[in-house]
């Protein structure tokens, strides 16, 4: 899993590429949590265009970052969600509290 991010004003866009599974979620979670703690921003957008697979651990990673951001009065947004991941997010009801942006 590669992690690349770009900060513009008070917003951060995190580009995720590869698989988000039990193996990759641990290091990804640590990296994202460091960003959340170190930066003062209003939104974090996950650009998921390059995500090829997401399992329940990956889903939990998204939910956990949502909760951490919410506690800091920041918002999590999703962008470019691939069809196989979109199916998981729609089925789970994630979009009712984590919106998709273009």
N, C-alpha and C. Protein backbone atom coordinates (compact mmCIF):
# COMPACT_ATOMS: atom_id res chain seq x y z
N UNK A 1 0.86 -1.19 0.00
CA UNK A 1 0.00 0.00 0.00
C UNK A 1 0.89 1.23 0.00
N UNK A 2 0.65 2.07 -0.98
CA UNK A 2 1.36 3.34 -1.04
C UNK A 2 0.47 4.43 -0.50
N UNK A 3 1.10 5.40 0.17
CA UNK A 3 0.36 6.53 0.72
C UNK A 3 1.03 7.80 0.23
N UNK A 4 0.26 8.62 -0.42
CA UNK A 4 0.75 9.90 -0.90
C UNK A 4 -0.30 10.93 -0.50
N UNK A 5 0.15 12.10 -0.07
CA UNK A 5 -0.83 13.11 0.32
C UNK A 5 -0.40 14.49 -0.13
N UNK A 6 -1.40 15.36 -0.21
CA UNK A 6 -1.18 16.73 -0.63
C UNK A 6 -2.03 17.62 0.26
N UNK A 7 -1.41 18.66 0.80
CA UNK A 7 -2.12 19.60 1.67
C UNK A 7 -2.34 20.89 0.90
N UNK A 8 -3.59 21.32 0.83
CA UNK A 8 -3.94 22.59 0.21
C UNK A 8 -4.84 23.34 1.18
N UNK A 9 -4.36 24.51 1.60
CA UNK A 9 -5.07 25.30 2.61
C UNK A 9 -5.28 24.45 3.86
N UNK A 10 -6.51 24.28 4.28
CA UNK A 10 -6.80 23.47 5.47
C UNK A 10 -7.35 22.10 5.12
N UNK A 11 -7.05 21.65 3.92
CA UNK A 11 -7.55 20.35 3.46
C UNK A 11 -6.39 19.45 3.07
N UNK A 12 -6.54 18.16 3.33
CA UNK A 12 -5.52 17.19 2.96
C UNK A 12 -6.17 16.10 2.12
N UNK A 13 -5.55 15.78 1.01
CA UNK A 13 -6.03 14.70 0.15
C UNK A 13 -5.02 13.56 0.21
N UNK A 14 -5.47 12.41 0.61
CA UNK A 14 -4.62 11.23 0.74
C UNK A 14 -4.94 10.28 -0.40
N UNK A 15 -3.95 10.02 -1.23
CA UNK A 15 -4.14 9.11 -2.36
C UNK A 15 -3.74 7.70 -1.91
N UNK A 16 -4.68 6.78 -1.99
CA UNK A 16 -4.44 5.41 -1.58
C UNK A 16 -4.31 4.53 -2.83
N UNK A 17 -3.28 3.71 -2.85
CA UNK A 17 -3.02 2.84 -4.00
C UNK A 17 -2.69 1.44 -3.51
N UNK A 18 -3.34 0.43 -4.06
CA UNK A 18 -3.05 -0.95 -3.71
C UNK A 18 -4.17 -1.58 -2.91
N UNK A 19 -3.82 -2.61 -2.15
CA UNK A 19 -4.78 -3.34 -1.34
C UNK A 19 -4.81 -2.79 0.07
N UNK A 20 -6.02 -2.70 0.63
CA UNK A 20 -6.18 -2.34 2.04
C UNK A 20 -6.74 -3.56 2.73
N UNK A 21 -5.85 -4.31 3.35
CA UNK A 21 -6.23 -5.56 4.02
C UNK A 21 -5.56 -5.60 5.39
N UNK A 22 -5.65 -6.74 6.06
CA UNK A 22 -5.10 -6.87 7.40
C UNK A 22 -3.61 -6.54 7.44
N UNK A 23 -2.90 -6.94 6.43
CA UNK A 23 -1.45 -6.71 6.38
C UNK A 23 -1.10 -5.24 6.20
N UNK A 24 -1.75 -4.57 5.26
CA UNK A 24 -1.39 -3.18 4.95
C UNK A 24 -2.07 -2.17 5.86
N UNK A 25 -3.21 -2.52 6.44
CA UNK A 25 -3.99 -1.57 7.23
C UNK A 25 -3.22 -1.09 8.46
N UNK A 26 -2.43 -1.95 9.06
CA UNK A 26 -1.71 -1.57 10.27
C UNK A 26 -0.78 -0.39 10.03
N UNK A 27 0.07 -0.48 9.02
CA UNK A 27 1.02 0.61 8.76
C UNK A 27 0.29 1.83 8.21
N UNK A 28 -0.72 1.60 7.41
CA UNK A 28 -1.50 2.71 6.87
C UNK A 28 -2.20 3.46 8.00
N UNK A 29 -2.76 2.74 8.93
CA UNK A 29 -3.42 3.35 10.09
C UNK A 29 -2.44 4.22 10.86
N UNK A 30 -1.25 3.70 11.12
CA UNK A 30 -0.23 4.47 11.85
C UNK A 30 0.14 5.75 11.11
N UNK A 31 0.35 5.64 9.80
CA UNK A 31 0.70 6.82 9.00
C UNK A 31 -0.42 7.86 8.98
N UNK A 32 -1.65 7.40 8.81
CA UNK A 32 -2.79 8.32 8.79
C UNK A 32 -2.99 8.98 10.14
N UNK A 33 -2.83 8.21 11.21
CA UNK A 33 -3.00 8.78 12.55
C UNK A 33 -1.94 9.85 12.83
N UNK A 34 -0.74 9.65 12.35
CA UNK A 34 0.30 10.67 12.51
C UNK A 34 -0.09 11.95 11.78
N UNK A 35 -0.63 11.81 10.58
CA UNK A 35 -1.10 12.99 9.84
C UNK A 35 -2.23 13.70 10.58
N UNK A 36 -3.16 12.92 11.09
CA UNK A 36 -4.30 13.50 11.79
C UNK A 36 -3.83 14.25 13.03
N UNK A 37 -2.91 13.69 13.77
CA UNK A 37 -2.43 14.32 14.99
C UNK A 37 -1.53 15.53 14.72
N UNK A 38 -0.76 15.48 13.64
CA UNK A 38 0.24 16.53 13.38
C UNK A 38 -0.33 17.74 12.66
N UNK A 39 -1.37 17.56 11.91
CA UNK A 39 -1.88 18.64 11.07
C UNK A 39 -3.17 19.22 11.63
N UNK A 40 -3.36 20.49 11.37
CA UNK A 40 -4.63 21.13 11.70
C UNK A 40 -5.37 21.41 10.40
N UNK A 41 -6.36 20.62 10.08
CA UNK A 41 -7.10 20.80 8.84
C UNK A 41 -8.57 20.51 9.09
N UNK A 42 -9.42 20.96 8.15
CA UNK A 42 -10.85 20.74 8.32
C UNK A 42 -11.35 19.50 7.61
N UNK A 43 -10.68 19.09 6.54
CA UNK A 43 -11.13 17.88 5.85
C UNK A 43 -9.95 17.00 5.45
N UNK A 44 -10.20 15.71 5.44
CA UNK A 44 -9.26 14.73 4.89
C UNK A 44 -10.05 13.94 3.86
N UNK A 45 -9.53 13.94 2.63
CA UNK A 45 -10.19 13.22 1.55
C UNK A 45 -9.35 12.00 1.19
N UNK A 46 -9.98 10.84 1.18
CA UNK A 46 -9.33 9.63 0.70
C UNK A 46 -9.64 9.49 -0.78
N UNK A 47 -8.62 9.66 -1.63
CA UNK A 47 -8.76 9.41 -3.06
C UNK A 47 -8.45 7.94 -3.26
N UNK A 48 -9.47 7.16 -3.55
CA UNK A 48 -9.36 5.71 -3.57
C UNK A 48 -9.26 5.13 -4.97
N UNK A 49 -8.99 5.96 -5.96
CA UNK A 49 -8.95 5.51 -7.34
C UNK A 49 -8.03 4.31 -7.55
N UNK A 50 -6.91 4.27 -6.85
CA UNK A 50 -5.95 3.19 -7.04
C UNK A 50 -6.12 2.00 -6.12
N UNK A 51 -7.19 1.97 -5.33
CA UNK A 51 -7.42 0.84 -4.41
C UNK A 51 -7.96 -0.34 -5.21
N UNK A 52 -7.27 -1.46 -5.12
CA UNK A 52 -7.66 -2.65 -5.87
C UNK A 52 -8.44 -3.66 -5.04
N UNK A 53 -8.37 -3.53 -3.70
CA UNK A 53 -9.03 -4.49 -2.82
C UNK A 53 -9.19 -3.84 -1.45
N UNK A 54 -10.32 -4.12 -0.79
CA UNK A 54 -10.56 -3.65 0.57
C UNK A 54 -11.34 -4.72 1.29
N UNK A 55 -10.79 -5.20 2.43
CA UNK A 55 -11.51 -6.20 3.22
C UNK A 55 -12.09 -5.54 4.46
N UNK A 56 -12.59 -6.33 5.40
CA UNK A 56 -13.22 -5.76 6.60
C UNK A 56 -12.23 -4.96 7.45
N UNK A 57 -10.97 -5.33 7.43
CA UNK A 57 -9.95 -4.57 8.16
C UNK A 57 -9.79 -3.19 7.52
N UNK A 58 -9.81 -3.14 6.20
CA UNK A 58 -9.75 -1.87 5.49
C UNK A 58 -10.97 -1.01 5.76
N UNK A 59 -12.13 -1.65 5.81
CA UNK A 59 -13.35 -0.93 6.16
C UNK A 59 -13.24 -0.34 7.56
N UNK A 60 -12.73 -1.14 8.48
CA UNK A 60 -12.52 -0.67 9.86
C UNK A 60 -11.55 0.49 9.92
N UNK A 61 -10.54 0.47 9.06
CA UNK A 61 -9.58 1.57 8.99
C UNK A 61 -10.29 2.87 8.62
N UNK A 62 -11.17 2.82 7.64
CA UNK A 62 -11.91 4.01 7.22
C UNK A 62 -12.80 4.51 8.36
N UNK A 63 -13.53 3.62 9.00
CA UNK A 63 -14.40 3.99 10.12
C UNK A 63 -13.58 4.60 11.26
N UNK A 64 -12.46 4.00 11.58
CA UNK A 64 -11.60 4.51 12.66
C UNK A 64 -11.07 5.90 12.38
N UNK A 65 -10.67 6.16 11.12
CA UNK A 65 -10.17 7.50 10.78
C UNK A 65 -11.31 8.50 10.81
N UNK A 66 -12.50 8.08 10.40
CA UNK A 66 -13.69 8.94 10.49
C UNK A 66 -13.90 9.38 11.95
N UNK A 67 -13.83 8.44 12.87
CA UNK A 67 -14.04 8.76 14.29
C UNK A 67 -12.95 9.68 14.84
N UNK A 68 -11.70 9.42 14.48
CA UNK A 68 -10.60 10.28 14.93
C UNK A 68 -10.75 11.70 14.41
N UNK A 69 -11.11 11.81 13.13
CA UNK A 69 -11.30 13.14 12.54
C UNK A 69 -12.49 13.86 13.17
N UNK A 70 -13.55 13.14 13.37
CA UNK A 70 -14.74 13.74 13.98
C UNK A 70 -14.43 14.28 15.37
N UNK A 71 -13.62 13.55 16.13
CA UNK A 71 -13.24 14.00 17.47
C UNK A 71 -12.43 15.29 17.41
N UNK A 72 -11.75 15.54 16.29
CA UNK A 72 -10.97 16.77 16.11
C UNK A 72 -11.76 17.83 15.33
N UNK A 73 -13.06 17.58 15.17
CA UNK A 73 -13.94 18.49 14.44
C UNK A 73 -13.51 18.67 12.98
N UNK A 74 -13.04 17.60 12.40
CA UNK A 74 -12.66 17.57 10.99
C UNK A 74 -13.56 16.54 10.29
N UNK A 75 -13.56 16.58 8.98
CA UNK A 75 -14.46 15.73 8.21
C UNK A 75 -13.67 14.80 7.29
N UNK A 76 -14.15 13.57 7.16
CA UNK A 76 -13.60 12.62 6.21
C UNK A 76 -14.48 12.60 4.97
N UNK A 77 -13.84 12.66 3.80
CA UNK A 77 -14.54 12.59 2.53
C UNK A 77 -13.92 11.48 1.69
N UNK A 78 -14.68 10.93 0.77
CA UNK A 78 -14.20 9.89 -0.13
C UNK A 78 -14.29 10.38 -1.56
N UNK A 79 -13.34 9.92 -2.37
CA UNK A 79 -13.27 10.37 -3.77
C UNK A 79 -12.81 9.20 -4.63
N UNK A 80 -13.34 9.10 -5.84
CA UNK A 80 -12.91 8.09 -6.81
C UNK A 80 -12.96 6.66 -6.23
N UNK A 81 -14.06 6.31 -5.62
CA UNK A 81 -14.21 4.98 -5.02
C UNK A 81 -14.45 3.96 -6.14
N UNK A 82 -13.58 2.95 -6.26
CA UNK A 82 -13.76 1.95 -7.32
C UNK A 82 -14.99 1.07 -7.05
N UNK A 83 -15.56 0.48 -8.10
CA UNK A 83 -16.81 -0.29 -7.96
C UNK A 83 -16.77 -1.38 -6.89
N UNK A 84 -15.68 -2.13 -6.80
CA UNK A 84 -15.63 -3.23 -5.82
C UNK A 84 -15.63 -2.70 -4.38
N UNK A 85 -15.07 -1.53 -4.16
CA UNK A 85 -15.07 -0.92 -2.82
C UNK A 85 -16.40 -0.22 -2.59
N UNK A 86 -16.93 0.41 -3.62
CA UNK A 86 -18.22 1.09 -3.53
C UNK A 86 -19.31 0.13 -3.06
N UNK A 87 -19.27 -1.08 -3.55
CA UNK A 87 -20.27 -2.09 -3.15
C UNK A 87 -20.23 -2.33 -1.64
N UNK A 88 -19.04 -2.45 -1.09
CA UNK A 88 -18.88 -2.65 0.36
C UNK A 88 -19.41 -1.44 1.12
N UNK A 89 -19.03 -0.24 0.67
CA UNK A 89 -19.44 0.98 1.36
C UNK A 89 -20.95 1.19 1.29
N UNK A 90 -21.55 0.92 0.13
CA UNK A 90 -23.01 1.08 0.00
C UNK A 90 -23.77 0.08 0.88
N UNK A 91 -23.31 -1.16 0.86
CA UNK A 91 -23.97 -2.20 1.65
C UNK A 91 -23.91 -1.90 3.14
N UNK A 92 -22.80 -1.33 3.56
CA UNK A 92 -22.60 -1.06 4.99
C UNK A 92 -23.31 0.21 5.47
N UNK A 93 -23.71 1.08 4.53
CA UNK A 93 -24.33 2.34 4.93
C UNK A 93 -23.32 3.44 5.24
N UNK A 94 -22.07 3.22 4.88
CA UNK A 94 -21.01 4.19 5.17
C UNK A 94 -21.32 5.56 4.59
N UNK A 95 -21.91 5.60 3.42
CA UNK A 95 -22.17 6.87 2.76
C UNK A 95 -23.18 7.75 3.50
N UNK A 96 -23.88 7.19 4.46
CA UNK A 96 -24.83 8.01 5.23
C UNK A 96 -24.11 8.98 6.16
N UNK A 97 -22.82 8.73 6.44
CA UNK A 97 -22.08 9.66 7.29
C UNK A 97 -20.70 10.05 6.74
N UNK A 98 -20.23 9.38 5.70
CA UNK A 98 -18.98 9.76 5.03
C UNK A 98 -19.33 10.02 3.56
N UNK A 99 -19.41 11.30 3.17
CA UNK A 99 -19.84 11.60 1.80
C UNK A 99 -18.77 11.39 0.73
N UNK A 100 -19.25 11.22 -0.50
CA UNK A 100 -18.39 11.15 -1.68
C UNK A 100 -18.35 12.53 -2.31
N UNK A 101 -17.16 12.94 -2.72
CA UNK A 101 -16.99 14.21 -3.45
C UNK A 101 -16.37 13.92 -4.80
N UNK A 102 -16.45 14.87 -5.69
CA UNK A 102 -15.85 14.70 -7.02
C UNK A 102 -14.52 15.38 -7.09
